[in-house]
């Protein structure tokens, strides 16, 4: 949970640095590093994440008719996939967000080096 919060904070810091890049070109470098760290905190990605509660309890042992986690009591929604090896929705969204953040990070780093070489 702390990795998720820290990743969000770093993403917001990256956007803030992106908005502040007109003050200093080094803000592009800082924003790039923030996006890179935020994206790297979204890994590792496991295939069975749809079967784990937010408290960390393994939901593969829970009664299928139950709708609450036996450990913390939170309402759960088990994800069934039609194909073997398909990632859960939350994991797929996190993977897409990490990919976009990596791309933004490398674009900002390229713009920083282009301005550095130009000056």
PDB file of N, CA and C in Angstrom:
ATOM      1  N   UNK A   1       0.821  -1.188   0.000  1.00  0.00           N
ATOM      2  CA  UNK A   1       0.000   0.000   0.000  1.00  0.00           C
ATOM      3  C   UNK A   1       0.869   1.258   0.000  1.00  0.00           C
ATOM      4  N   UNK A   2       1.997   1.207   0.714  1.00  0.00           N
ATOM      5  CA  UNK A   2       2.856   2.389   0.744  1.00  0.00           C
ATOM      6  C   UNK A   2       3.519   2.622  -0.613  1.00  0.00           C
ATOM      7  N   UNK A   3       3.787   1.528  -1.361  1.00  0.00           N
ATOM      8  CA  UNK A   3       4.349   1.699  -2.702  1.00  0.00           C
ATOM      9  C   UNK A   3       3.353   2.403  -3.606  1.00  0.00           C
ATOM     10  N   UNK A   4       2.070   2.101  -3.434  1.00  0.00           N
ATOM     11  CA  UNK A   4       1.035   2.729  -4.257  1.00  0.00           C
ATOM     12  C   UNK A   4       0.944   4.221  -3.943  1.00  0.00           C
ATOM     13  N   UNK A   5       0.985   4.576  -2.671  1.00  0.00           N
ATOM     14  CA  UNK A   5       0.912   5.983  -2.271  1.00  0.00           C
ATOM     15  C   UNK A   5       2.156   6.730  -2.744  1.00  0.00           C
ATOM     16  N   UNK A   6       3.325   6.128  -2.547  1.00  0.00           N
ATOM     17  CA  UNK A   6       4.572   6.779  -2.964  1.00  0.00           C
ATOM     18  C   UNK A   6       4.623   6.946  -4.479  1.00  0.00           C
ATOM     19  N   UNK A   7       4.114   5.955  -5.208  1.00  0.00           N
ATOM     20  CA  UNK A   7       4.068   6.054  -6.664  1.00  0.00           C
ATOM     21  C   UNK A   7       3.164   7.198  -7.105  1.00  0.00           C
ATOM     22  N   UNK A   8       2.020   7.360  -6.444  1.00  0.00           N
ATOM     23  CA  UNK A   8       1.112   8.464  -6.778  1.00  0.00           C
ATOM     24  C   UNK A   8       1.742   9.813  -6.464  1.00  0.00           C
ATOM     25  N   UNK A   9       2.410   9.905  -5.326  1.00  0.00           N
ATOM     26  CA  UNK A   9       3.060  11.163  -4.944  1.00  0.00           C
ATOM     27  C   UNK A   9       4.145  11.527  -5.955  1.00  0.00           C
ATOM     28  N   UNK A  10       4.924  10.535  -6.379  1.00  0.00           N
ATOM     29  CA  UNK A  10       5.977  10.806  -7.361  1.00  0.00           C
ATOM     30  C   UNK A  10       5.396  11.192  -8.718  1.00  0.00           C
ATOM     31  N   UNK A  11       4.265  10.598  -9.094  1.00  0.00           N
ATOM     32  CA  UNK A  11       3.627  10.979 -10.362  1.00  0.00           C
ATOM     33  C   UNK A  11       3.139  12.421 -10.298  1.00  0.00           C
ATOM     34  N   UNK A  12       2.528  12.818  -9.178  1.00  0.00           N
ATOM     35  CA  UNK A  12       2.088  14.210  -9.033  1.00  0.00           C
ATOM     36  C   UNK A  12       3.278  15.161  -9.001  1.00  0.00           C
ATOM     37  N   UNK A  13       4.379  14.740  -8.376  1.00  0.00           N
ATOM     38  CA  UNK A  13       5.582  15.576  -8.371  1.00  0.00           C
ATOM     39  C   UNK A  13       6.145  15.713  -9.784  1.00  0.00           C
ATOM     40  N   UNK A  14       6.064  14.643 -10.569  1.00  0.00           N
ATOM     41  CA  UNK A  14       6.514  14.712 -11.961  1.00  0.00           C
ATOM     42  C   UNK A  14       5.692  15.687 -12.771  1.00  0.00           C
ATOM     43  N   UNK A  15       4.362  15.675 -12.566  1.00  0.00           N
ATOM     44  CA  UNK A  15       3.508  16.641 -13.264  1.00  0.00           C
ATOM     45  C   UNK A  15       3.800  18.067 -12.804  1.00  0.00           C
ATOM     46  N   UNK A  16       4.085  18.247 -11.510  1.00  0.00           N
ATOM     47  CA  UNK A  16       4.419  19.579 -11.004  1.00  0.00           C
ATOM     48  C   UNK A  16       5.727  20.071 -11.615  1.00  0.00           C
ATOM     49  N   UNK A  17       6.701  19.182 -11.735  1.00  0.00           N
ATOM     50  CA  UNK A  17       7.968  19.560 -12.360  1.00  0.00           C
ATOM     51  C   UNK A  17       7.778  19.857 -13.844  1.00  0.00           C
ATOM     52  N   UNK A  18       6.862  19.138 -14.477  1.00  0.00           N
ATOM     53  CA  UNK A  18       6.573  19.392 -15.885  1.00  0.00           C
ATOM     54  C   UNK A  18       5.975  20.778 -16.069  1.00  0.00           C
ATOM     55  N   UNK A  19       5.122  21.187 -15.136  1.00  0.00           N
ATOM     56  CA  UNK A  19       4.548  22.529 -15.204  1.00  0.00           C
ATOM     57  C   UNK A  19       5.567  23.608 -14.859  1.00  0.00           C
ATOM     58  N   UNK A  20       6.577  23.253 -14.053  1.00  0.00           N
ATOM     59  CA  UNK A  20       7.579  24.229 -13.639  1.00  0.00           C
ATOM     60  C   UNK A  20       8.797  24.250 -14.558  1.00  0.00           C
ATOM     61  N   UNK A  21       8.754  23.531 -15.680  1.00  0.00           N
ATOM     62  CA  UNK A  21       9.939  23.455 -16.535  1.00  0.00           C
ATOM     63  C   UNK A  21      10.260  24.781 -17.210  1.00  0.00           C
ATOM     64  N   UNK A  22       9.301  25.717 -17.271  1.00  0.00           N
ATOM     65  CA  UNK A  22       9.607  27.005 -17.884  1.00  0.00           C
ATOM     66  C   UNK A  22      10.495  27.843 -16.969  1.00  0.00           C
ATOM     67  N   UNK A  23      10.585  27.475 -15.681  1.00  0.00           N
ATOM     68  CA  UNK A  23      11.485  28.176 -14.768  1.00  0.00           C
ATOM     69  C   UNK A  23      12.933  27.738 -14.962  1.00  0.00           C
ATOM     70  N   UNK A  24      13.117  26.453 -15.130  1.00  0.00           N
ATOM     71  CA  UNK A  24      14.467  25.924 -15.254  1.00  0.00           C
ATOM     72  C   UNK A  24      14.427  24.618 -16.045  1.00  0.00           C
ATOM     73  N   UNK A  25      15.371  24.425 -16.949  1.00  0.00           N
ATOM     74  CA  UNK A  25      15.394  23.159 -17.688  1.00  0.00           C
ATOM     75  C   UNK A  25      15.701  21.958 -16.799  1.00  0.00           C
ATOM     76  N   UNK A  26      16.324  22.197 -15.651  1.00  0.00           N
ATOM     77  CA  UNK A  26      16.612  21.075 -14.758  1.00  0.00           C
ATOM     78  C   UNK A  26      15.337  20.501 -14.146  1.00  0.00           C
ATOM     79  N   UNK A  27      14.230  21.248 -14.218  1.00  0.00           N
ATOM     80  CA  UNK A  27      12.947  20.706 -13.765  1.00  0.00           C
ATOM     81  C   UNK A  27      12.502  19.566 -14.676  1.00  0.00           C
ATOM     82  N   UNK A  28      12.907  19.599 -15.948  1.00  0.00           N
ATOM     83  CA  UNK A  28      12.619  18.475 -16.845  1.00  0.00           C
ATOM     84  C   UNK A  28      13.319  17.209 -16.373  1.00  0.00           C
ATOM     85  N   UNK A  29      14.570  17.358 -15.937  1.00  0.00           N
ATOM     86  CA  UNK A  29      15.312  16.208 -15.432  1.00  0.00           C
ATOM     87  C   UNK A  29      14.674  15.680 -14.151  1.00  0.00           C
ATOM     88  N   UNK A  30      14.285  16.575 -13.253  1.00  0.00           N
ATOM     89  CA  UNK A  30      13.645  16.158 -12.003  1.00  0.00           C
ATOM     90  C   UNK A  30      12.299  15.487 -12.274  1.00  0.00           C
ATOM     91  N   UNK A  31      11.534  16.026 -13.205  1.00  0.00           N
ATOM     92  CA  UNK A  31      10.256  15.414 -13.569  1.00  0.00           C
ATOM     93  C   UNK A  31      10.447  14.048 -14.195  1.00  0.00           C
ATOM     94  N   UNK A  32      11.477  13.918 -15.031  1.00  0.00           N
ATOM     95  CA  UNK A  32      11.772  12.633 -15.652  1.00  0.00           C
ATOM     96  C   UNK A  32      12.135  11.590 -14.602  1.00  0.00           C
ATOM     97  N   UNK A  33      12.935  11.981 -13.637  1.00  0.00           N
ATOM     98  CA  UNK A  33      13.319  11.057 -12.566  1.00  0.00           C
ATOM     99  C   UNK A  33      12.103  10.680 -11.720  1.00  0.00           C
ATOM    100  N   UNK A  34      11.226  11.643 -11.432  1.00  0.00           N
ATOM    101  CA  UNK A  34      10.011  11.346 -10.662  1.00  0.00           C
ATOM    102  C   UNK A  34       9.119  10.351 -11.395  1.00  0.00           C
ATOM    103  N   UNK A  35       8.915  10.550 -12.694  1.00  0.00           N
ATOM    104  CA  UNK A  35       8.098   9.611 -13.467  1.00  0.00           C
ATOM    105  C   UNK A  35       8.754   8.234 -13.547  1.00  0.00           C
ATOM    106  N   UNK A  36      10.080   8.204 -13.685  1.00  0.00           N
ATOM    107  CA  UNK A  36      10.787   6.931 -13.763  1.00  0.00           C
ATOM    108  C   UNK A  36      10.672   6.160 -12.447  1.00  0.00           C
ATOM    109  N   UNK A  37      10.834   6.845 -11.321  1.00  0.00           N
ATOM    110  CA  UNK A  37      10.689   6.186 -10.022  1.00  0.00           C
ATOM    111  C   UNK A  37       9.255   5.738  -9.783  1.00  0.00           C
ATOM    112  N   UNK A  38       8.298   6.560 -10.178  1.00  0.00           N
ATOM    113  CA  UNK A  38       6.891   6.203 -10.014  1.00  0.00           C
ATOM    114  C   UNK A  38       6.541   4.960 -10.824  1.00  0.00           C
ATOM    115  N   UNK A  39       7.048   4.873 -12.036  1.00  0.00           N
ATOM    116  CA  UNK A  39       6.769   3.702 -12.873  1.00  0.00           C
ATOM    117  C   UNK A  39       7.455   2.455 -12.334  1.00  0.00           C
ATOM    118  N   UNK A  40       8.666   2.609 -11.815  1.00  0.00           N
ATOM    119  CA  UNK A  40       9.382   1.434 -11.318  1.00  0.00           C
ATOM    120  C   UNK A  40       8.773   0.894 -10.027  1.00  0.00           C
ATOM    121  N   UNK A  41       8.053   1.729  -9.278  1.00  0.00           N
ATOM    122  CA  UNK A  41       7.393   1.247  -8.063  1.00  0.00           C
ATOM    123  C   UNK A  41       6.157   0.409  -8.364  1.00  0.00           C
ATOM    124  N   UNK A  42       5.693   0.397  -9.586  1.00  0.00           N
ATOM    125  CA  UNK A  42       4.511  -0.388  -9.955  1.00  0.00           C
ATOM    126  C   UNK A  42       4.851  -1.852 -10.234  1.00  0.00           C
ATOM    127  N   UNK A  43       6.104  -2.222 -10.156  1.00  0.00           N
ATOM    128  CA  UNK A  43       6.534  -3.594 -10.398  1.00  0.00           C
ATOM    129  C   UNK A  43       6.931  -4.228  -9.081  1.00  0.00           C
ATOM    130  N   UNK A  44       6.974  -5.523  -8.909  1.00  0.00           N
ATOM    131  CA  UNK A  44       6.740  -6.599  -9.854  1.00  0.00           C
ATOM    132  C   UNK A  44       5.250  -6.847 -10.057  1.00  0.00           C
ATOM    133  N   UNK A  45       4.933  -7.445 -11.181  1.00  0.00           N
ATOM    134  CA  UNK A  45       3.545  -7.767 -11.513  1.00  0.00           C
ATOM    135  C   UNK A  45       3.393  -9.282 -11.440  1.00  0.00           C
ATOM    136  N   UNK A  46       2.426  -9.716 -10.624  1.00  0.00           N
ATOM    137  CA  UNK A  46       2.157 -11.146 -10.469  1.00  0.00           C
ATOM    138  C   UNK A  46       0.876 -11.502 -11.204  1.00  0.00           C
ATOM    139  N   UNK A  47       0.790 -12.745 -11.641  1.00  0.00           N
ATOM    140  CA  UNK A  47      -0.384 -13.185 -12.384  1.00  0.00           C
ATOM    141  C   UNK A  47      -1.587 -13.409 -11.473  1.00  0.00           C
ATOM    142  N   UNK A  48      -1.350 -13.686 -10.188  1.00  0.00           N
ATOM    143  CA  UNK A  48      -2.441 -14.027  -9.276  1.00  0.00           C
ATOM    144  C   UNK A  48      -2.870 -12.859  -8.391  1.00  0.00           C
ATOM    145  N   UNK A  49      -2.648 -11.625  -8.833  1.00  0.00           N
ATOM    146  CA  UNK A  49      -2.996 -10.474  -8.006  1.00  0.00           C
ATOM    147  C   UNK A  49      -4.494 -10.287  -7.837  1.00  0.00           C
ATOM    148  N   UNK A  50      -5.292 -10.810  -8.736  1.00  0.00           N
ATOM    149  CA  UNK A  50      -6.740 -10.701  -8.609  1.00  0.00           C
ATOM    150  C   UNK A  50      -7.289 -11.548  -7.483  1.00  0.00           C
ATOM    151  N   UNK A  51      -6.449 -12.426  -6.922  1.00  0.00           N
ATOM    152  CA  UNK A  51      -6.875 -13.318  -5.857  1.00  0.00           C
ATOM    153  C   UNK A  51      -6.266 -12.933  -4.518  1.00  0.00           C
ATOM    154  N   UNK A  52      -5.828 -11.710  -4.373  1.00  0.00           N
ATOM    155  CA  UNK A  52      -5.247 -11.229  -3.128  1.00  0.00           C
ATOM    156  C   UNK A  52      -6.010  -9.998  -2.671  1.00  0.00           C
ATOM    157  N   UNK A  53      -6.392  -9.988  -1.389  1.00  0.00           N
ATOM    158  CA  UNK A  53      -7.099  -8.834  -0.821  1.00  0.00           C
ATOM    159  C   UNK A  53      -6.109  -7.692  -0.599  1.00  0.00           C
ATOM    160  N   UNK A  54      -6.619  -6.500  -0.404  1.00  0.00           N
ATOM    161  CA  UNK A  54      -5.742  -5.349  -0.155  1.00  0.00           C
ATOM    162  C   UNK A  54      -4.994  -5.484   1.167  1.00  0.00           C
ATOM    163  N   UNK A  55      -5.513  -6.307   2.098  1.00  0.00           N
ATOM    164  CA  UNK A  55      -4.816  -6.525   3.370  1.00  0.00           C
ATOM    165  C   UNK A  55      -3.710  -7.568   3.232  1.00  0.00           C
ATOM    166  N   UNK A  56      -3.657  -8.264   2.081  1.00  0.00           N
ATOM    167  CA  UNK A  56      -2.624  -9.255   1.845  1.00  0.00           C
ATOM    168  C   UNK A  56      -3.098 -10.692   1.999  1.00  0.00           C
ATOM    169  N   UNK A  57      -4.350 -10.897   2.350  1.00  0.00           N
ATOM    170  CA  UNK A  57      -4.885 -12.244   2.541  1.00  0.00           C
ATOM    171  C   UNK A  57      -5.057 -12.933   1.188  1.00  0.00           C
ATOM    172  N   UNK A  58      -4.656 -14.215   1.108  1.00  0.00           N
ATOM    173  CA  UNK A  58      -4.787 -14.993  -0.122  1.00  0.00           C
ATOM    174  C   UNK A  58      -6.231 -15.460  -0.253  1.00  0.00           C
ATOM    175  N   UNK A  59      -6.936 -14.942  -1.249  1.00  0.00           N
ATOM    176  CA  UNK A  59      -8.364 -15.229  -1.409  1.00  0.00           C
ATOM    177  C   UNK A  59      -8.639 -16.538  -2.134  1.00  0.00           C
ATOM    178  N   UNK A  60      -7.612 -17.293  -2.499  1.00  0.00           N
ATOM    179  CA  UNK A  60      -7.855 -18.552  -3.193  1.00  0.00           C
ATOM    180  C   UNK A  60      -8.426 -19.609  -2.253  1.00  0.00           C
ATOM    181  N   UNK A  61      -8.337 -19.384  -0.929  1.00  0.00           N
ATOM    182  CA  UNK A  61      -8.858 -20.338   0.037  1.00  0.00           C
ATOM    183  C   UNK A  61     -10.224 -19.947   0.580  1.00  0.00           C
ATOM    184  N   UNK A  62     -10.778 -18.821   0.144  1.00  0.00           N
ATOM    185  CA  UNK A  62     -12.047 -18.336   0.678  1.00  0.00           C
ATOM    186  C   UNK A  62     -13.208 -19.084   0.020  1.00  0.00           C
ATOM    187  N   UNK A  63     -14.312 -19.192   0.735  1.00  0.00           N
ATOM    188  CA  UNK A  63     -15.523 -19.819   0.212  1.00  0.00           C
ATOM    189  C   UNK A  63     -16.024 -19.002  -0.983  1.00  0.00           C
ATOM    190  N   UNK A  64     -16.280 -19.626  -2.146  1.00  0.00           N
ATOM    191  CA  UNK A  64     -16.700 -18.860  -3.335  1.00  0.00           C
ATOM    192  C   UNK A  64     -18.011 -18.096  -3.156  1.00  0.00           C
ATOM    193  N   UNK A  65     -18.865 -18.539  -2.235  1.00  0.00           N
ATOM    194  CA  UNK A  65     -20.131 -17.827  -2.034  1.00  0.00           C
ATOM    195  C   UNK A  65     -19.971 -16.624  -1.106  1.00  0.00           C
ATOM    196  N   UNK A  66     -18.821 -16.507  -0.446  1.00  0.00           N
ATOM    197  CA  UNK A  66     -18.588 -15.386   0.461  1.00  0.00           C
ATOM    198  C   UNK A  66     -18.244 -14.126  -0.331  1.00  0.00           C
ATOM    199  N   UNK A  67     -18.716 -12.989   0.157  1.00  0.00           N
ATOM    200  CA  UNK A  67     -18.428 -11.728  -0.531  1.00  0.00           C
ATOM    201  C   UNK A  67     -17.554 -10.806   0.306  1.00  0.00           C
ATOM    202  N   UNK A  68     -17.045 -11.308   1.446  1.00  0.00           N
ATOM    203  CA  UNK A  68     -16.198 -10.493   2.312  1.00  0.00           C
ATOM    204  C   UNK A  68     -14.907 -11.241   2.616  1.00  0.00           C
ATOM    205  N   UNK A  69     -13.844 -10.480   2.787  1.00  0.00           N
ATOM    206  CA  UNK A  69     -12.554 -11.048   3.152  1.00  0.00           C
ATOM    207  C   UNK A  69     -12.634 -11.542   4.597  1.00  0.00           C
ATOM    208  N   UNK A  70     -12.223 -12.786   4.888  1.00  0.00           N
ATOM    209  CA  UNK A  70     -12.293 -13.272   6.262  1.00  0.00           C
ATOM    210  C   UNK A  70     -11.283 -12.597   7.186  1.00  0.00           C
ATOM    211  N   UNK A  71     -10.257 -11.989   6.631  1.00  0.00           N
ATOM    212  CA  UNK A  71      -9.224 -11.351   7.449  1.00  0.00           C
ATOM    213  C   UNK A  71      -9.623  -9.945   7.895  1.00  0.00           C
ATOM    214  N   UNK A  72     -10.073  -9.108   6.949  1.00  0.00           N
ATOM    215  CA  UNK A  72     -10.351  -7.703   7.283  1.00  0.00           C
ATOM    216  C   UNK A  72     -11.815  -7.318   7.109  1.00  0.00           C
ATOM    217  N   UNK A  73     -12.627  -8.143   6.443  1.00  0.00           N
ATOM    218  CA  UNK A  73     -14.051  -7.858   6.294  1.00  0.00           C
ATOM    219  C   UNK A  73     -14.409  -6.956   5.133  1.00  0.00           C
ATOM    220  N   UNK A  74     -13.454  -6.618   4.285  1.00  0.00           N
ATOM    221  CA  UNK A  74     -13.707  -5.756   3.133  1.00  0.00           C
ATOM    222  C   UNK A  74     -14.458  -6.558   2.071  1.00  0.00           C
ATOM    223  N   UNK A  75     -15.361  -5.907   1.373  1.00  0.00           N
ATOM    224  CA  UNK A  75     -16.089  -6.561   0.291  1.00  0.00           C
ATOM    225  C   UNK A  75     -15.116  -6.893  -0.837  1.00  0.00           C
ATOM    226  N   UNK A  76     -15.174  -8.123  -1.326  1.00  0.00           N
ATOM    227  CA  UNK A  76     -14.224  -8.580  -2.346  1.00  0.00           C
ATOM    228  C   UNK A  76     -14.953  -8.888  -3.645  1.00  0.00           C
ATOM    229  N   UNK A  77     -14.203  -8.817  -4.718  1.00  0.00           N
ATOM    230  CA  UNK A  77     -14.710  -9.179  -6.037  1.00  0.00           C
ATOM    231  C   UNK A  77     -13.636 -10.011  -6.715  1.00  0.00           C
ATOM    232  N   UNK A  78     -13.891 -11.319  -6.802  1.00  0.00           N
ATOM    233  CA  UNK A  78     -12.921 -12.209  -7.434  1.00  0.00           C
ATOM    234  C   UNK A  78     -13.014 -12.064  -8.943  1.00  0.00           C
ATOM    235  N   UNK A  79     -11.870 -12.065  -9.599  1.00  0.00           N
ATOM    236  CA  UNK A  79     -11.837 -11.891 -11.050  1.00  0.00           C
ATOM    237  C   UNK A  79     -11.610 -13.234 -11.723  1.00  0.00           C
ATOM    238  N   UNK A  80     -12.526 -13.585 -12.567  1.00  0.00           N
ATOM    239  CA  UNK A  80     -12.408 -14.802 -13.357  1.00  0.00           C
ATOM    240  C   UNK A  80     -12.045 -14.397 -14.778  1.00  0.00           C
ATOM    241  N   UNK A  81     -11.068 -15.081 -15.348  1.00  0.00           N
ATOM    242  CA  UNK A  81     -10.668 -14.745 -16.714  1.00  0.00           C
ATOM    243  C   UNK A  81     -11.073 -15.875 -17.658  1.00  0.00           C
ATOM    244  N   UNK A  82     -11.351 -15.508 -18.878  1.00  0.00           N
ATOM    245  CA  UNK A  82     -11.774 -16.497 -19.867  1.00  0.00           C
ATOM    246  C   UNK A  82     -10.598 -17.256 -20.456  1.00  0.00           C
ATOM    247  N   UNK A  83      -9.405 -16.699 -20.337  1.00  0.00           N
ATOM    248  CA  UNK A  83      -8.219 -17.340 -20.898  1.00  0.00           C
ATOM    249  C   UNK A  83      -7.175 -17.514 -19.814  1.00  0.00           C
ATOM    250  N   UNK A  84      -6.436 -18.591 -19.911  1.00  0.00           N
ATOM    251  CA  UNK A  84      -5.362 -18.854 -18.976  1.00  0.00           C
ATOM    252  C   UNK A  84      -4.222 -17.864 -19.221  1.00  0.00           C
ATOM    253  N   UNK A  85      -3.700 -17.275 -18.176  1.00  0.00           N
ATOM    254  CA  UNK A  85      -2.602 -16.331 -18.306  1.00  0.00           C
ATOM    255  C   UNK A  85      -3.022 -14.892 -18.499  1.00  0.00           C
ATOM    256  N   UNK A  86      -4.317 -14.620 -18.513  1.00  0.00           N
ATOM    257  CA  UNK A  86      -4.807 -13.248 -18.666  1.00  0.00           C
ATOM    258  C   UNK A  86      -4.666 -12.512 -17.334  1.00  0.00           C
ATOM    259  N   UNK A  87      -4.187 -11.284 -17.381  1.00  0.00           N
ATOM    260  CA  UNK A  87      -3.970 -10.514 -16.157  1.00  0.00           C
ATOM    261  C   UNK A  87      -5.277  -9.922 -15.645  1.00  0.00           C
ATOM    262  N   UNK A  88      -5.407  -9.767 -14.315  1.00  0.00           N
ATOM    263  CA  UNK A  88      -6.587  -9.094 -13.764  1.00  0.00           C
ATOM    264  C   UNK A  88      -6.649  -7.638 -14.219  1.00  0.00           C
ATOM    265  N   UNK A  89      -7.845  -7.047 -14.140  1.00  0.00           N
ATOM    266  CA  UNK A  89      -8.040  -5.669 -14.624  1.00  0.00           C
ATOM    267  C   UNK A  89      -7.152  -4.670 -13.898  1.00  0.00           C
ATOM    268  N   UNK A  90      -7.073  -4.781 -12.567  1.00  0.00           N
ATOM    269  CA  UNK A  90      -6.254  -3.825 -11.814  1.00  0.00           C
ATOM    270  C   UNK A  90      -4.784  -3.944 -12.200  1.00  0.00           C
ATOM    271  N   UNK A  91      -4.321  -5.161 -12.410  1.00  0.00           N
ATOM    272  CA  UNK A  91      -2.929  -5.371 -12.807  1.00  0.00           C
ATOM    273  C   UNK A  91      -2.675  -4.836 -14.210  1.00  0.00           C
ATOM    274  N   UNK A  92      -3.617  -5.061 -15.119  1.00  0.00           N
ATOM    275  CA  UNK A  92      -3.462  -4.556 -16.489  1.00  0.00           C
ATOM    276  C   UNK A  92      -3.457  -3.032 -16.510  1.00  0.00           C
ATOM    277  N   UNK A  93      -4.324  -2.404 -15.699  1.00  0.00           N
ATOM    278  CA  UNK A  93      -4.325  -0.935 -15.635  1.00  0.00           C
ATOM    279  C   UNK A  93      -3.009  -0.423 -15.075  1.00  0.00           C
ATOM    280  N   UNK A  94      -2.466  -1.113 -14.047  1.00  0.00           N
ATOM    281  CA  UNK A  94      -1.195  -0.690 -13.467  1.00  0.00           C
ATOM    282  C   UNK A  94      -0.060  -0.857 -14.473  1.00  0.00           C
ATOM    283  N   UNK A  95      -0.096  -1.920 -15.264  1.00  0.00           N
ATOM    284  CA  UNK A  95       0.930  -2.136 -16.282  1.00  0.00           C
ATOM    285  C   UNK A  95       0.859  -1.073 -17.370  1.00  0.00           C
ATOM    286  N   UNK A  96      -0.351  -0.702 -17.787  1.00  0.00           N
ATOM    287  CA  UNK A  96      -0.505   0.366 -18.786  1.00  0.00           C
ATOM    288  C   UNK A  96      -0.030   1.707 -18.233  1.00  0.00           C
ATOM    289  N   UNK A  97      -0.367   1.999 -16.972  1.00  0.00           N
ATOM    290  CA  UNK A  97       0.077   3.261 -16.362  1.00  0.00           C
ATOM    291  C   UNK A  97       1.598   3.307 -16.257  1.00  0.00           C
ATOM    292  N   UNK A  98       2.217   2.190 -15.896  1.00  0.00           N
ATOM    293  CA  UNK A  98       3.678   2.156 -15.798  1.00  0.00           C
ATOM    294  C   UNK A  98       4.321   2.361 -17.161  1.00  0.00           C
ATOM    295  N   UNK A  99       3.753   1.767 -18.197  1.00  0.00           N
ATOM    296  CA  UNK A  99       4.289   1.938 -19.550  1.00  0.00           C
ATOM    297  C   UNK A  99       4.191   3.388 -19.999  1.00  0.00           C
ATOM    298  N   UNK A 100       3.056   4.018 -19.735  1.00  0.00           N
ATOM    299  CA  UNK A 100       2.882   5.428 -20.099  1.00  0.00           C
ATOM    300  C   UNK A 100       3.857   6.304 -19.324  1.00  0.00           C
ATOM    301  N   UNK A 101       4.066   5.996 -18.034  1.00  0.00           N
ATOM    302  CA  UNK A 101       5.002   6.793 -17.244  1.00  0.00           C
ATOM    303  C   UNK A 101       6.439   6.606 -17.720  1.00  0.00           C
ATOM    304  N   UNK A 102       6.805   5.392 -18.131  1.00  0.00           N
ATOM    305  CA  UNK A 102       8.140   5.185 -18.703  1.00  0.00           C
ATOM    306  C   UNK A 102       8.315   6.006 -19.976  1.00  0.00           C
ATOM    307  N   UNK A 103       7.309   6.018 -20.836  1.00  0.00           N
ATOM    308  CA  UNK A 103       7.389   6.784 -22.084  1.00  0.00           C
ATOM    309  C   UNK A 103       7.521   8.274 -21.787  1.00  0.00           C
ATOM    310  N   UNK A 104       6.702   8.792 -20.864  1.00  0.00           N
ATOM    311  CA  UNK A 104       6.785  10.211 -20.494  1.00  0.00           C
ATOM    312  C   UNK A 104       8.163  10.529 -19.935  1.00  0.00           C
ATOM    313  N   UNK A 105       8.690   9.622 -19.107  1.00  0.00           N
ATOM    314  CA  UNK A 105      10.001   9.846 -18.508  1.00  0.00           C
ATOM    315  C   UNK A 105      11.089   9.944 -19.568  1.00  0.00           C
ATOM    316  N   UNK A 106      11.067   9.038 -20.543  1.00  0.00           N
ATOM    317  CA  UNK A 106      12.103   9.065 -21.575  1.00  0.00           C
ATOM    318  C   UNK A 106      11.939  10.246 -22.521  1.00  0.00           C
ATOM    319  N   UNK A 107      10.714  10.665 -22.785  1.00  0.00           N
ATOM    320  CA  UNK A 107      10.498  11.859 -23.614  1.00  0.00           C
ATOM    321  C   UNK A 107      11.035  13.094 -22.892  1.00  0.00           C
ATOM    322  N   UNK A 108      10.731  13.231 -21.600  1.00  0.00           N
ATOM    323  CA  UNK A 108      11.240  14.374 -20.834  1.00  0.00           C
ATOM    324  C   UNK A 108      12.761  14.359 -20.760  1.00  0.00           C
ATOM    325  N   UNK A 109      13.330  13.171 -20.603  1.00  0.00           N
ATOM    326  CA  UNK A 109      14.787  13.070 -20.568  1.00  0.00           C
ATOM    327  C   UNK A 109      15.395  13.469 -21.910  1.00  0.00           C
ATOM    328  N   UNK A 110      14.749  13.077 -23.012  1.00  0.00           N
ATOM    329  CA  UNK A 110      15.221  13.474 -24.338  1.00  0.00           C
ATOM    330  C   UNK A 110      15.127  14.972 -24.559  1.00  0.00           C
ATOM    331  N   UNK A 111      14.033  15.583 -24.103  1.00  0.00           N
ATOM    332  CA  UNK A 111      13.880  17.037 -24.229  1.00  0.00           C
ATOM    333  C   UNK A 111      14.924  17.751 -23.382  1.00  0.00           C
ATOM    334  N   UNK A 112      15.196  17.215 -22.182  1.00  0.00           N
ATOM    335  CA  UNK A 112      16.218  17.827 -21.326  1.00  0.00           C
ATOM    336  C   UNK A 112      17.584  17.783 -22.008  1.00  0.00           C
ATOM    337  N   UNK A 113      17.959  16.624 -22.557  1.00  0.00           N
ATOM    338  CA  UNK A 113      19.263  16.528 -23.211  1.00  0.00           C
ATOM    339  C   UNK A 113      19.325  17.372 -24.477  1.00  0.00           C
ATOM    340  N   UNK A 114      18.209  17.515 -25.181  1.00  0.00           N
ATOM    341  CA  UNK A 114      18.186  18.374 -26.368  1.00  0.00           C
ATOM    342  C   UNK A 114      18.400  19.834 -25.982  1.00  0.00           C
ATOM    343  N   UNK A 115      17.755  20.290 -24.909  1.00  0.00           N
ATOM    344  CA  UNK A 115      17.972  21.674 -24.456  1.00  0.00           C
ATOM    345  C   UNK A 115      19.373  21.850 -23.891  1.00  0.00           C
ATOM    346  N   UNK A 116      19.914  20.812 -23.270  1.00  0.00           N
ATOM    347  CA  UNK A 116      21.262  20.886 -22.712  1.00  0.00           C
ATOM    348  C   UNK A 116      22.296  20.988 -23.839  1.00  0.00           C
ATOM    349  N   UNK A 117      22.094  20.220 -24.916  1.00  0.00           N
ATOM    350  CA  UNK A 117      23.018  20.292 -26.046  1.00  0.00           C
ATOM    351  C   UNK A 117      22.860  21.598 -26.816  1.00  0.00           C
ATOM    352  N   UNK A 118      21.651  22.114 -26.880  1.00  0.00           N
ATOM    353  CA  UNK A 118      21.399  23.356 -27.603  1.00  0.00           C
ATOM    354  C   UNK A 118      22.043  24.544 -26.899  1.00  0.00           C
ATOM    355  N   UNK A 119      21.988  24.556 -25.571  1.00  0.00           N
ATOM    356  CA  UNK A 119      22.588  25.661 -24.807  1.00  0.00           C
ATOM    357  C   UNK A 119      24.039  25.363 -24.621  1.00  0.00           C
TER     358      UNK A 119
END
